[in-house]
Amino acid sequence: MCQKKLPEDITAWQNVLKEMLLSSLKNNQKGPYNLNTFFEDKSVKKIIAISFAGILSVMKEKEDLTKNFFFVTNDLKEFHLTTFKIYIANGFYTVTNKPKRLSHQYDTSDTPNQFKKVKAVPNTHISGIINNLVDSNFKESLDTIIKYYQSGKNGKFKKYLVKNYDQSFQDMNKNIWKEIRKLVKSQMQVCYRSKYLLRLIIHYVFEKFGADREFWTKYIPNIERIIQYIYKNENEQFIKVNEDLNQIIDKYKESKLFQGTDWEGFYKDPAAKKIAAQMIQTIADKGGSKQDKKIPATWFTNILIKGVDDTVLLRFFIRGANNV
C-alpha cells in the first residue's frame, strides 16, 4: 500500500502490518527468514513513525494522565518515564532517518552507587553471551510462531506449539544466566590471582594444610575485608606491601594470563614468605579478644559476612601464624 492510501485507524494499521509481515515470509516458509524487507518497507516505516509521534504527542498533551499511568498504576519512577520518552524519540528518529539521537543523563547526586558499573566483568563479554544465545534460539522460536499461526489458519490452533515456545524461552533465559554466572566466577578468579597479598595469606592459612577447597573458598571475601580493616589507617604501608609483592612476582610470572606462573616458588620466596608471616601474625594478634585470644574480637566478628563462623576463621589464622 502506498503512503497516500495509508490507513488512519489503529485496527487498519495492524491488519496492514500483519499482511505485510506474512507476505514477507511466504516466499520461503522453511527459513531462513529475512525480515529486513518488512522492516525497511516505506509503508511500515511510515506507520511506525506516525505511531511514535502519536505516543510522544499524547504524553505531552496528557501529562497528568501519563504520570498517573507510570507512577500510580505501574508504580514506576521518574527515571522510567524519562527513559521511555527517550527510547520512543530515538525510535522516531531512526525510522525517519534523522541523525539526532538522545541518551539518558543519569542523576547520581542522591544515589551515587545506583548506576555504578562492575568493571571486573567486561560488558562486551556479557553482551556476547546474550547475543549468541538469543541468535541461536531466534530461528527456532520464529518457526514455532509461524507454525502456530498457520495451524490457526487451518481451523485448529496447535496449543502445544505455544508450550514449546514458552519452554524454549525459559530455557534460553536459564542458559543466559548460567553462562553469566560462569563468566562472573572466572573473572573473580582472575581478579583474585592478581591480589598477591590475599593469595599469600590464603596459601599459608588454608592450602598449606590441605584444607578442603570447597570449605575455605567461602572465607576469601572475608579475608579481604580483614586485610582492609588492618590497613584502614595505614594506606601508605598497604601500598608499599603490594608494590613489594609486585616486584617479587615478576621473578615467577611467565604469562600475563597466569598460566605457567610458578606460584609455589612465589609462596616460598623468602621476601614473600616474610610478608605473609607478618600479616598473618598481625591478624591473629588483633583478631583475638583481650580476655581470650582464641575468641574473636568484636571488630573481627562484625566485619565478617553473615553465615561465616568467626571462631573457626580465627583458628585458621592462629594456626597459620604458628606454621608459616
Protein backbone atom coordinates (compact mmCIF):
# COMPACT_ATOMS: atom_id res chain seq x y z
CA MET A 1 0.00 0.00 0.00
CA CYS A 2 1.42 3.41 -0.93
CA GLN A 3 1.81 6.14 1.66
CA LYS A 4 -1.04 8.21 0.21
CA LYS A 5 -3.50 5.41 0.93
CA LEU A 6 -2.10 4.64 4.39
CA PRO A 7 -4.85 3.62 6.88
CA GLU A 8 -5.68 6.17 9.56
CA ASP A 9 -7.04 3.96 12.30
CA ILE A 10 -5.13 1.57 14.52
CA THR A 11 -7.10 -1.56 13.54
CA ALA A 12 -6.41 -0.95 9.87
CA TRP A 13 -2.72 -0.34 10.60
CA GLN A 14 -2.50 -3.64 12.48
CA ASN A 15 -4.10 -5.50 9.58
CA VAL A 16 -1.71 -3.90 7.10
CA LEU A 17 1.34 -4.78 9.21
CA LYS A 18 0.12 -8.34 9.67
CA GLU A 19 -0.44 -8.90 5.96
CA MET A 20 2.89 -7.34 5.03
CA LEU A 21 4.75 -9.45 7.61
CA LEU A 22 3.15 -12.66 6.37
CA SER A 23 3.77 -11.78 2.76
CA SER A 24 7.45 -11.26 3.51
CA LEU A 25 7.60 -14.83 4.86
CA LYS A 26 5.58 -16.62 2.19
CA ASN A 27 8.41 -16.94 -0.29
CA ASN A 28 10.34 -19.32 1.90
CA GLN A 29 8.33 -20.86 4.72
CA LYS A 30 11.11 -23.26 5.66
CA GLY A 31 13.50 -20.42 6.52
CA PRO A 32 15.86 -18.75 6.95
CA TYR A 33 13.67 -15.70 7.46
CA ASN A 34 14.88 -12.28 6.40
CA LEU A 35 12.70 -9.59 7.99
CA ASN A 36 14.67 -6.66 6.61
CA THR A 37 12.22 -6.41 3.70
CA PHE A 38 9.38 -5.94 6.19
CA PHE A 39 11.18 -3.51 8.49
CA GLU A 40 12.53 -1.37 5.65
CA ASP A 41 9.25 -1.12 3.72
CA LYS A 42 8.28 2.55 3.33
CA SER A 43 4.68 1.95 4.39
CA VAL A 44 5.77 0.07 7.50
CA LYS A 45 8.24 2.80 8.46
CA LYS A 46 5.55 5.43 7.88
CA ILE A 47 3.08 3.63 10.15
CA ILE A 48 5.68 3.20 12.90
CA ALA A 49 6.83 6.83 12.60
CA ILE A 50 3.25 8.09 12.99
CA SER A 51 2.78 5.75 15.97
CA PHE A 52 5.91 7.03 17.71
CA ALA A 53 4.95 10.63 17.03
CA GLY A 54 1.43 9.97 18.33
CA ILE A 55 2.74 8.46 21.56
CA LEU A 56 5.02 11.43 22.22
CA SER A 57 2.22 13.87 21.39
CA VAL A 58 -0.26 12.21 23.77
CA MET A 59 2.33 12.04 26.57
CA LYS A 60 2.96 15.77 26.16
CA GLU A 61 -0.69 16.81 25.93
CA LYS A 62 -1.90 14.43 28.66
CA GLU A 63 0.96 14.93 31.10
CA ASP A 64 -1.11 14.30 34.24
CA LEU A 65 -2.64 11.15 32.78
CA THR A 66 0.80 9.93 31.70
CA LYS A 67 2.31 10.45 35.14
CA ASN A 68 -0.65 8.70 36.76
CA PHE A 69 -0.17 5.73 34.43
CA PHE A 70 3.56 5.47 35.22
CA PHE A 71 3.72 6.45 38.89
CA VAL A 72 0.37 5.24 40.26
CA THR A 73 -0.88 2.46 38.02
CA ASN A 74 2.50 0.77 37.42
CA ASP A 75 4.48 2.09 40.43
CA LEU A 76 7.37 3.34 38.25
CA LYS A 77 9.77 6.23 38.82
CA GLU A 78 10.66 9.44 37.02
CA PHE A 79 13.70 7.67 35.62
CA HIS A 80 11.48 5.12 33.83
CA LEU A 81 9.26 7.81 32.34
CA THR A 82 12.24 9.80 31.05
CA THR A 83 13.91 6.70 29.65
CA PHE A 84 10.69 5.62 27.90
CA LYS A 85 10.36 9.03 26.21
CA ILE A 86 13.96 8.85 25.05
CA TYR A 87 13.53 5.39 23.54
CA ILE A 88 10.34 6.42 21.71
CA ALA A 89 12.04 9.57 20.41
CA ASN A 90 15.06 7.59 19.27
CA GLY A 91 12.74 5.13 17.54
CA PHE A 92 11.11 8.01 15.66
CA TYR A 93 14.49 9.45 14.64
CA THR A 94 15.66 6.05 13.44
CA VAL A 95 12.56 5.37 11.33
CA THR A 96 12.67 8.83 9.74
CA ASN A 97 16.46 8.62 9.14
CA LYS A 98 17.20 11.63 11.30
CA PRO A 99 20.73 11.79 12.72
CA LYS A 100 19.74 13.10 16.14
CA ARG A 101 19.98 10.58 18.98
CA LEU A 102 19.18 11.09 22.65
CA SER A 103 20.90 9.48 25.60
CA HIS A 104 19.85 9.48 29.23
CA GLN A 105 21.91 11.54 31.64
CA TYR A 106 21.99 9.66 34.93
CA ASP A 107 21.49 11.76 38.03
CA THR A 108 23.63 10.14 40.71
CA SER A 109 23.55 13.00 43.22
CA ASP A 110 21.21 11.19 45.61
CA THR A 111 22.26 7.61 44.96
CA PRO A 112 25.93 7.68 43.85
CA ASN A 113 26.21 3.90 43.61
CA GLN A 114 22.88 3.25 41.86
CA PHE A 115 24.38 3.14 38.38
CA LYS A 116 27.91 2.12 39.31
CA LYS A 117 29.30 -0.35 36.78
CA VAL A 118 31.05 -3.51 37.85
CA LYS A 119 34.29 -3.13 35.92
CA ALA A 120 35.53 -6.62 36.86
CA VAL A 121 33.19 -8.16 34.27
CA PRO A 122 33.56 -6.64 30.77
CA ASN A 123 30.25 -5.53 29.24
CA THR A 124 31.31 -6.97 25.89
CA HIS A 125 31.55 -10.45 27.39
CA ILE A 126 28.05 -10.26 28.84
CA SER A 127 26.66 -8.84 25.59
CA GLY A 128 28.34 -11.65 23.67
CA ILE A 129 26.68 -14.29 25.83
CA ILE A 130 23.23 -12.75 25.42
CA ASN A 131 23.58 -12.15 21.69
CA ASN A 132 24.86 -15.64 20.96
CA LEU A 133 22.09 -17.40 22.89
CA VAL A 134 19.36 -15.14 21.52
CA ASP A 135 20.60 -15.60 17.94
CA SER A 136 20.82 -19.38 18.33
CA ASN A 137 17.20 -19.53 19.56
CA PHE A 138 15.68 -16.94 17.24
CA LYS A 139 15.16 -19.11 14.15
CA GLU A 140 13.53 -21.97 16.09
CA SER A 141 11.29 -19.57 18.05
CA LEU A 142 10.18 -17.74 14.92
CA ASP A 143 9.49 -21.05 13.20
CA THR A 144 7.29 -22.11 16.13
CA ILE A 145 5.30 -18.85 15.99
CA ILE A 146 4.71 -19.20 12.25
CA LYS A 147 3.61 -22.82 12.57
CA TYR A 148 1.19 -21.82 15.32
CA TYR A 149 -0.30 -19.09 13.12
CA GLN A 150 -0.57 -21.47 10.17
CA SER A 151 -2.32 -24.07 12.31
CA GLY A 152 -4.93 -21.43 13.16
CA LYS A 153 -5.48 -20.66 9.51
CA ASN A 154 -6.27 -24.33 9.02
CA GLY A 155 -9.04 -24.08 11.57
CA LYS A 156 -7.40 -25.50 14.70
CA PHE A 157 -4.61 -23.96 16.74
CA LYS A 158 -1.93 -26.38 17.93
CA LYS A 159 -1.60 -25.31 21.55
CA TYR A 160 1.42 -27.49 22.16
CA LEU A 161 3.40 -25.09 19.95
CA VAL A 162 2.73 -22.30 22.46
CA LYS A 163 4.01 -24.53 25.26
CA ASN A 164 7.10 -25.37 23.20
CA TYR A 165 7.77 -21.68 22.58
CA ASP A 166 7.31 -20.83 26.27
CA GLN A 167 9.66 -23.66 27.31
CA SER A 168 12.33 -22.66 24.79
CA PHE A 169 12.14 -19.07 26.06
CA GLN A 170 12.58 -20.19 29.68
CA ASP A 171 15.45 -22.49 28.73
CA MET A 172 17.17 -19.66 26.91
CA ASN A 173 16.92 -17.38 29.97
CA LYS A 174 18.28 -20.12 32.22
CA ASN A 175 21.23 -20.67 29.89
CA ILE A 176 21.96 -16.95 29.71
CA TRP A 177 22.13 -16.64 33.49
CA LYS A 178 24.10 -19.88 33.75
CA GLU A 179 26.74 -18.58 31.34
CA ILE A 180 26.85 -15.17 33.05
CA ARG A 181 27.43 -16.87 36.43
CA LYS A 182 30.30 -18.82 34.89
CA LEU A 183 31.75 -15.60 33.50
CA VAL A 184 31.49 -13.82 36.85
CA LYS A 185 33.13 -16.75 38.61
CA SER A 186 36.02 -16.86 36.12
CA GLN A 187 36.53 -13.08 36.33
CA MET A 188 36.59 -13.28 40.12
CA GLN A 189 39.32 -15.91 39.88
CA VAL A 190 41.35 -13.68 37.56
CA CYS A 191 40.83 -10.79 39.97
CA TYR A 192 41.98 -12.81 42.99
CA ARG A 193 45.02 -14.06 41.10
CA SER A 194 46.30 -10.50 40.85
CA LYS A 195 45.83 -9.87 44.60
CA TYR A 196 49.13 -11.32 45.72
CA LEU A 197 48.82 -10.48 49.41
CA LEU A 198 45.45 -12.20 49.54
CA ARG A 199 46.87 -15.23 47.70
CA LEU A 200 49.78 -15.48 50.14
CA ILE A 201 47.51 -15.43 53.16
CA ILE A 202 45.11 -17.98 51.65
CA HIS A 203 48.02 -20.29 50.85
CA TYR A 204 49.54 -20.25 54.33
CA VAL A 205 46.23 -20.23 56.19
CA PHE A 206 44.40 -22.90 54.16
CA GLU A 207 46.20 -24.51 51.23
CA LYS A 208 49.41 -25.43 53.03
CA PHE A 209 47.47 -27.55 55.50
CA GLY A 210 45.38 -29.32 52.88
CA ALA A 211 42.08 -27.76 53.95
CA ASP A 212 39.12 -28.73 51.75
CA ARG A 213 38.85 -26.11 48.99
CA GLU A 214 35.05 -26.35 48.92
CA PHE A 215 35.12 -25.39 52.59
CA TRP A 216 37.57 -22.48 52.68
CA THR A 217 36.70 -20.63 49.45
CA LYS A 218 33.74 -19.04 51.26
CA TYR A 219 36.23 -17.27 53.53
CA ILE A 220 38.04 -15.42 50.72
CA PRO A 221 35.83 -12.27 50.68
CA ASN A 222 36.03 -12.15 54.48
CA ILE A 223 39.83 -12.31 54.48
CA GLU A 224 39.89 -9.41 52.07
CA ARG A 225 37.70 -7.42 54.46
CA ILE A 226 40.05 -8.23 57.32
CA ILE A 227 43.08 -7.04 55.33
CA GLN A 228 41.30 -3.78 54.52
CA TYR A 229 40.44 -3.30 58.20
CA ILE A 230 44.03 -3.91 59.32
CA TYR A 231 45.35 -1.34 56.89
CA LYS A 232 42.45 1.15 57.14
CA ASN A 233 44.69 3.78 58.78
CA GLU A 234 47.93 2.71 57.08
CA ASN A 235 47.26 3.23 53.39
CA GLU A 236 50.88 4.06 52.53
CA GLN A 237 52.08 0.89 54.20
CA PHE A 238 49.46 -1.13 52.33
CA ILE A 239 50.62 0.34 49.02
CA LYS A 240 54.26 -0.45 49.94
CA VAL A 241 53.42 -4.08 50.70
CA ASN A 242 51.67 -4.53 47.37
CA GLU A 243 54.50 -2.83 45.46
CA ASP A 244 56.97 -5.21 47.08
CA LEU A 245 54.85 -8.22 46.12
CA ASN A 246 54.51 -6.94 42.55
CA GLN A 247 58.29 -6.90 42.26
CA ILE A 248 58.62 -10.35 43.80
CA ILE A 249 56.03 -11.97 41.50
CA ASP A 250 57.88 -10.74 38.39
CA LYS A 251 60.52 -13.40 39.00
CA TYR A 252 57.91 -16.16 38.85
CA LYS A 253 55.32 -14.87 36.41
CA GLU A 254 55.79 -16.41 32.97
CA SER A 255 52.42 -15.47 31.45
CA LYS A 256 50.16 -12.44 31.60
CA LEU A 257 47.24 -14.86 31.94
CA PHE A 258 48.95 -16.51 34.94
CA GLN A 259 49.11 -19.85 33.07
CA GLY A 260 52.59 -21.04 33.89
CA THR A 261 53.29 -18.79 36.85
CA ASP A 262 55.46 -20.54 39.41
CA TRP A 263 53.15 -19.99 42.36
CA GLU A 264 54.98 -22.42 44.62
CA GLY A 265 58.20 -20.54 44.02
CA PHE A 266 56.42 -17.28 44.81
CA TYR A 267 54.96 -18.65 48.05
CA LYS A 268 58.37 -19.96 49.18
CA ASP A 269 60.27 -16.82 48.20
CA PRO A 270 61.90 -15.53 51.44
CA ALA A 271 60.68 -11.96 50.94
CA ALA A 272 57.11 -13.05 50.12
CA LYS A 273 57.08 -15.51 53.00
CA LYS A 274 58.23 -12.78 55.40
CA ILE A 275 55.35 -10.51 54.32
CA ALA A 276 52.87 -13.38 54.72
CA ALA A 277 54.17 -14.24 58.19
CA GLN A 278 53.94 -10.64 59.40
CA MET A 279 50.43 -10.15 58.04
CA ILE A 280 49.02 -13.42 59.36
CA GLN A 281 50.58 -12.84 62.78
CA THR A 282 49.12 -9.31 62.89
CA ILE A 283 45.64 -10.63 62.11
CA ALA A 284 45.98 -13.42 64.67
CA ASP A 285 47.09 -10.93 67.35
CA LYS A 286 44.49 -8.26 66.61
CA GLY A 287 41.72 -10.72 65.81
CA GLY A 288 41.53 -12.23 69.28
CA SER A 289 39.75 -10.62 72.21
CA LYS A 290 41.74 -9.15 75.11
CA GLN A 291 40.32 -11.66 77.58
CA ASP A 292 40.93 -14.78 75.47
CA LYS A 293 42.99 -14.65 72.27
CA LYS A 294 41.24 -17.77 70.96
CA ILE A 295 37.89 -15.94 70.96
CA PRO A 296 37.30 -13.43 68.12
CA ALA A 297 37.40 -9.74 68.95
CA THR A 298 34.27 -7.68 68.34
CA TRP A 299 35.68 -5.95 65.23
CA PHE A 300 36.67 -9.32 63.75
CA THR A 301 33.16 -10.70 64.12
CA ASN A 302 31.41 -7.56 62.92
CA ILE A 303 33.19 -7.26 59.57
CA LEU A 304 32.58 -10.86 58.50
CA ILE A 305 29.82 -11.73 56.07
CA LYS A 306 26.74 -13.26 57.68
CA GLY A 307 26.82 -17.04 57.86
CA VAL A 308 30.60 -17.36 58.33
CA ASP A 309 31.98 -18.96 61.51
CA ASP A 310 34.23 -16.27 63.03
CA THR A 311 35.77 -18.59 65.60
CA VAL A 312 36.81 -21.17 63.01
CA LEU A 313 38.35 -18.49 60.79
CA LEU A 314 40.34 -17.04 63.70
CA ARG A 315 41.67 -20.52 64.50
CA PHE A 316 42.92 -20.85 60.93
CA PHE A 317 44.87 -17.60 61.32
CA ILE A 318 46.33 -18.66 64.66
CA ARG A 319 47.48 -21.99 63.20
CA GLY A 320 48.85 -20.23 60.11
CA ALA A 321 50.82 -17.74 62.22
CA ASN A 322 52.44 -20.63 64.11
CA ASN A 323 53.37 -22.56 60.98
CA VAL A 324 54.31 -20.11 58.20
